[in-house]
Amino acid sequence: MKKQDWILIICVVVVLTPFFIPATGFFEWFKMATQSQPYVMAFFKFAILATLGEMLGLRIKKGVYNEPGFGIVPRMMVWGFLGMCIQMAMVIFKSGVPSFMEHVYNCFGEIEKGTLAAILSPAQGTPWEWSWARLGIAFCVSVLMNSIFAPVMMTFHKCTDIHILDNGGTVLGLLRPMKMREIMAKKINWDVQWNLVFKKTIPLFWFPAHTITFILPGDFQVLFAALLGVALGLILALAGGKKK
């Protein structure tokens, strides 16, 4: 490993260590902040972790964590915005999918409204318990969210990624109007986007990954989703480096 790798490892250890020391209170603060300001925390969580994933992808491809035109700050801004969108999507699908499942079930039988939502997300203070019902509901939420929301989000991210590179990786360049028609028609490698990002990573990685996210106790969902932000940035960065 090079000096830059050791610097990154030391920085990660320094940042994460307080969360594992109860006396610091960092973990409790993190939970309270996430509960009270979920969208603000989602912005910073994804801005830092997903951008780190892209930097790791660049390190694997080119041996460096940054290069001229890469645009770390613009990427953080984009990921922060996407993080808020992902937080919104999780709320929508986590409440909407159980409701939809109850609607379908009531076409054949009868189930009390809110039953499935309560199984997936018990009331505050209720002990977390494993069940096959919770696993099944979590899987359905994951499949629908990643089938409906994820392709749009990933394509938009790819467009912003190309836009940042085309404008030299500057914040001012990010604020310029995106040439969406040109990017969508000429600059996205749709063979990679469809055959790798959509057909493989979504069903093989994101379906099970978000199933785990939705089945975990609420406190662990926050930490697990944060770690998935690194994986998301890393996967999309590596996918962007595929040759036509």
Protein backbone atom coordinates (compact mmCIF):
# COMPACT_ATOMS: atom_id res chain seq x y z
CA MET A 1 0.00 0.00 0.00
CA LYS A 2 1.04 3.56 -0.67
CA LYS A 3 1.22 6.51 1.70
CA GLN A 4 -2.15 7.80 0.50
CA ASP A 5 -3.76 4.47 1.46
CA TRP A 6 -2.39 4.64 4.99
CA ILE A 7 -3.58 8.24 5.34
CA LEU A 8 -7.10 7.19 4.31
CA ILE A 9 -7.10 4.22 6.69
CA ILE A 10 -5.94 6.40 9.61
CA CYS A 11 -8.59 9.01 8.84
CA VAL A 12 -11.33 6.36 8.71
CA VAL A 13 -10.18 4.82 12.01
CA VAL A 14 -10.05 8.24 13.71
CA VAL A 15 -13.56 9.12 12.52
CA LEU A 16 -15.16 5.75 13.35
CA THR A 17 -13.47 5.01 16.70
CA PRO A 18 -15.66 7.41 18.79
CA PHE A 19 -18.79 5.56 17.60
CA PHE A 20 -17.54 2.36 19.27
CA ILE A 21 -16.66 4.03 22.58
CA PRO A 22 -19.88 4.41 24.61
CA ALA A 23 -18.38 7.10 26.84
CA THR A 24 -18.11 9.53 23.91
CA GLY A 25 -21.85 9.46 23.23
CA PHE A 26 -21.25 9.73 19.47
CA PHE A 27 -23.43 6.75 18.61
CA GLU A 28 -26.36 8.07 20.63
CA TRP A 29 -25.92 11.51 19.07
CA PHE A 30 -25.87 9.91 15.60
CA LYS A 31 -29.13 8.07 16.28
CA MET A 32 -30.85 11.16 17.68
CA ALA A 33 -29.68 13.34 14.82
CA THR A 34 -30.85 10.80 12.25
CA GLN A 35 -34.27 10.58 13.88
CA SER A 36 -34.74 14.34 14.25
CA GLN A 37 -33.14 15.47 10.96
CA PRO A 38 -33.21 12.45 8.63
CA TYR A 39 -32.80 14.39 5.38
CA VAL A 40 -29.96 16.57 6.60
CA MET A 41 -28.16 13.49 7.88
CA ALA A 42 -28.89 11.65 4.63
CA PHE A 43 -27.28 14.52 2.72
CA PHE A 44 -24.03 14.35 4.68
CA LYS A 45 -24.05 10.58 5.00
CA PHE A 46 -24.19 9.99 1.26
CA ALA A 47 -22.09 13.03 0.39
CA ILE A 48 -19.22 11.57 2.40
CA LEU A 49 -19.63 7.82 2.07
CA ALA A 50 -20.81 7.45 -1.54
CA THR A 51 -18.15 9.91 -2.72
CA LEU A 52 -15.61 7.86 -0.79
CA GLY A 53 -16.86 4.83 -2.73
CA GLU A 54 -16.21 6.62 -6.01
CA MET A 55 -12.75 7.64 -4.82
CA LEU A 56 -12.02 3.99 -3.99
CA GLY A 57 -13.22 3.06 -7.47
CA LEU A 58 -10.80 5.59 -8.96
CA ARG A 59 -8.02 4.20 -6.76
CA ILE A 60 -8.69 0.69 -8.11
CA LYS A 61 -8.85 1.83 -11.73
CA LYS A 62 -6.08 4.43 -11.84
CA GLY A 63 -4.13 4.14 -8.60
CA VAL A 64 -5.14 7.55 -7.19
CA TYR A 65 -7.99 8.87 -5.06
CA ASN A 66 -8.30 12.11 -7.00
CA GLU A 67 -7.25 13.51 -10.36
CA PRO A 68 -7.75 16.74 -12.33
CA GLY A 69 -11.37 17.05 -13.40
CA PHE A 70 -12.64 14.35 -11.01
CA GLY A 71 -14.45 16.94 -8.92
CA ILE A 72 -14.71 15.65 -5.35
CA VAL A 73 -16.76 18.61 -4.08
CA PRO A 74 -19.30 18.56 -6.98
CA ARG A 75 -19.66 14.80 -6.54
CA MET A 76 -20.33 15.31 -2.83
CA MET A 77 -23.02 17.86 -3.68
CA VAL A 78 -24.68 15.47 -6.12
CA TRP A 79 -24.49 12.54 -3.71
CA GLY A 80 -25.91 14.68 -0.92
CA PHE A 81 -28.93 15.48 -3.09
CA LEU A 82 -29.29 11.83 -4.11
CA GLY A 83 -28.99 10.82 -0.45
CA MET A 84 -32.05 12.91 0.38
CA CYS A 85 -33.88 11.32 -2.58
CA ILE A 86 -32.92 7.85 -1.34
CA GLN A 87 -34.15 8.71 2.16
CA MET A 88 -37.43 9.88 0.65
CA ALA A 89 -37.73 6.71 -1.44
CA MET A 90 -37.12 4.50 1.59
CA VAL A 91 -39.91 6.25 3.50
CA ILE A 92 -42.31 6.01 0.57
CA PHE A 93 -41.67 2.36 -0.26
CA LYS A 94 -41.36 1.22 3.34
CA SER A 95 -44.88 2.50 4.07
CA GLY A 96 -46.40 2.15 0.61
CA VAL A 97 -45.43 -1.43 -0.24
CA PRO A 98 -46.99 -3.02 2.91
CA SER A 99 -50.15 -1.01 2.20
CA PHE A 100 -50.17 -2.26 -1.41
CA MET A 101 -49.64 -5.85 -0.22
CA GLU A 102 -52.61 -5.52 2.14
CA HIS A 103 -54.73 -4.16 -0.72
CA VAL A 104 -53.84 -7.18 -2.88
CA TYR A 105 -54.44 -9.59 0.02
CA ASN A 106 -57.87 -8.11 0.67
CA CYS A 107 -58.88 -9.07 -2.86
CA PHE A 108 -58.76 -12.71 -1.67
CA GLY A 109 -59.17 -12.52 2.08
CA GLU A 110 -59.23 -9.95 4.86
CA ILE A 111 -56.42 -8.36 6.85
CA GLU A 112 -56.51 -5.44 9.23
CA LYS A 113 -55.06 -2.22 7.85
CA GLY A 114 -51.54 -1.55 9.06
CA THR A 115 -50.78 -5.15 10.01
CA LEU A 116 -47.93 -5.66 7.56
CA ALA A 117 -46.43 -2.25 8.25
CA ALA A 118 -46.40 -3.10 11.96
CA ILE A 119 -44.63 -6.40 11.24
CA LEU A 120 -41.96 -4.65 9.18
CA SER A 121 -41.57 -1.61 11.44
CA PRO A 122 -42.76 -2.27 15.02
CA ALA A 123 -43.77 0.67 17.20
CA GLN A 124 -41.06 2.54 19.09
CA GLY A 125 -39.91 0.53 22.09
CA THR A 126 -41.21 -2.79 20.75
CA PRO A 127 -38.54 -5.53 20.90
CA TRP A 128 -37.13 -6.56 17.53
CA GLU A 129 -37.98 -10.14 16.62
CA TRP A 130 -37.03 -12.28 13.65
CA SER A 131 -39.83 -13.68 11.50
CA TRP A 132 -40.28 -15.05 7.99
CA ALA A 133 -43.13 -12.58 7.52
CA ARG A 134 -40.78 -9.66 8.15
CA LEU A 135 -38.23 -11.13 5.74
CA GLY A 136 -40.88 -11.51 3.03
CA ILE A 137 -42.19 -7.98 3.45
CA ALA A 138 -38.67 -6.53 3.50
CA PHE A 139 -37.84 -8.42 0.30
CA CYS A 140 -40.94 -7.05 -1.44
CA VAL A 141 -40.07 -3.50 -0.36
CA SER A 142 -36.52 -3.95 -1.64
CA VAL A 143 -37.59 -5.42 -4.98
CA LEU A 144 -40.11 -2.69 -5.73
CA MET A 145 -37.88 0.16 -4.60
CA ASN A 146 -34.90 -1.07 -6.59
CA SER A 147 -37.00 -1.90 -9.65
CA ILE A 148 -38.87 1.41 -9.79
CA PHE A 149 -36.65 4.03 -8.17
CA ALA A 150 -33.10 2.71 -8.52
CA PRO A 151 -32.80 2.72 -12.37
CA VAL A 152 -33.96 6.35 -12.54
CA MET A 153 -31.64 7.41 -9.74
CA MET A 154 -28.65 5.55 -11.20
CA THR A 155 -29.22 6.99 -14.68
CA PHE A 156 -29.52 10.51 -13.28
CA HIS A 157 -26.31 9.98 -11.32
CA LYS A 158 -24.54 8.84 -14.47
CA CYS A 159 -25.68 11.99 -16.26
CA THR A 160 -24.36 14.21 -13.46
CA ASP A 161 -21.11 12.21 -13.41
CA ILE A 162 -20.56 12.89 -17.12
CA HIS A 163 -21.59 16.53 -16.66
CA ILE A 164 -19.01 17.00 -13.88
CA LEU A 165 -16.24 15.49 -16.01
CA ASP A 166 -17.23 17.56 -19.05
CA ASN A 167 -16.96 20.75 -16.98
CA GLY A 168 -13.58 20.09 -15.43
CA GLY A 169 -14.80 18.94 -12.03
CA THR A 170 -15.57 22.44 -10.76
CA VAL A 171 -18.47 23.57 -8.60
CA LEU A 172 -19.27 26.32 -11.11
CA GLY A 173 -19.29 23.72 -13.88
CA LEU A 174 -21.78 21.62 -11.92
CA LEU A 175 -24.16 24.59 -11.82
CA ARG A 176 -24.15 24.97 -15.60
CA PRO A 177 -27.18 23.54 -17.44
CA MET A 178 -26.77 19.85 -18.25
CA LYS A 179 -26.98 18.85 -21.89
CA MET A 180 -29.31 15.99 -21.07
CA ARG A 181 -30.22 15.11 -24.66
CA GLU A 182 -26.58 14.86 -25.71
CA ILE A 183 -25.57 12.93 -22.60
CA MET A 184 -28.46 10.46 -22.82
CA ALA A 185 -28.09 9.91 -26.57
CA LYS A 186 -24.33 9.92 -27.06
CA LYS A 187 -22.31 9.74 -23.86
CA ILE A 188 -23.87 7.05 -21.68
CA ASN A 189 -22.65 3.55 -22.42
CA TRP A 190 -26.07 1.90 -22.38
CA ASP A 191 -24.55 -1.54 -22.86
CA VAL A 192 -22.84 -1.19 -19.47
CA GLN A 193 -25.74 0.67 -17.89
CA TRP A 194 -28.25 -2.01 -18.87
CA ASN A 195 -26.24 -5.23 -18.82
CA LEU A 196 -24.14 -4.51 -15.72
CA VAL A 197 -25.77 -1.82 -13.59
CA PHE A 198 -29.41 -2.75 -14.14
CA LYS A 199 -29.44 -6.45 -14.99
CA LYS A 200 -26.74 -7.60 -12.58
CA THR A 201 -26.08 -5.24 -9.69
CA ILE A 202 -29.76 -4.48 -8.97
CA PRO A 203 -31.09 -8.07 -8.66
CA LEU A 204 -27.88 -9.71 -7.46
CA PHE A 205 -26.67 -7.07 -5.00
CA TRP A 206 -29.30 -4.45 -4.23
CA PHE A 207 -32.30 -6.76 -3.83
CA PRO A 208 -30.64 -8.76 -1.01
CA ALA A 209 -28.71 -5.78 0.38
CA HIS A 210 -31.81 -3.66 0.93
CA THR A 211 -33.76 -6.68 2.15
CA ILE A 212 -31.23 -6.85 4.97
CA THR A 213 -31.54 -3.07 5.46
CA PHE A 214 -35.32 -3.20 5.93
CA ILE A 215 -35.28 -6.28 8.18
CA LEU A 216 -32.72 -4.94 10.65
CA PRO A 217 -33.71 -3.08 13.82
CA GLY A 218 -34.11 0.64 13.22
CA ASP A 219 -30.79 1.64 14.83
CA PHE A 220 -28.81 -0.77 12.67
CA GLN A 221 -30.66 0.27 9.50
CA VAL A 222 -29.01 3.67 9.77
CA LEU A 223 -25.50 2.25 9.97
CA PHE A 224 -26.09 -0.41 7.31
CA ALA A 225 -27.56 2.11 4.86
CA ALA A 226 -24.51 4.31 5.43
CA LEU A 227 -22.19 1.43 4.55
CA LEU A 228 -24.23 0.70 1.43
CA GLY A 229 -23.53 4.28 0.38
CA VAL A 230 -19.86 3.33 0.02
CA ALA A 231 -20.79 0.24 -1.99
CA LEU A 232 -23.12 2.26 -4.22
CA GLY A 233 -20.46 4.82 -5.09
CA LEU A 234 -17.86 2.11 -5.64
CA ILE A 235 -20.07 0.00 -7.91
CA LEU A 236 -21.18 2.92 -10.06
CA ALA A 237 -17.62 4.21 -10.33
CA LEU A 238 -16.32 0.83 -11.46
CA ALA A 239 -19.24 0.44 -13.86
CA GLY A 240 -18.38 3.79 -15.39
CA GLY A 241 -14.89 2.55 -16.15
CA LYS A 242 -16.01 -0.38 -18.27
CA LYS A 243 -14.98 -0.29 -21.90
CA LYS A 244 -17.53 -0.27 -24.68
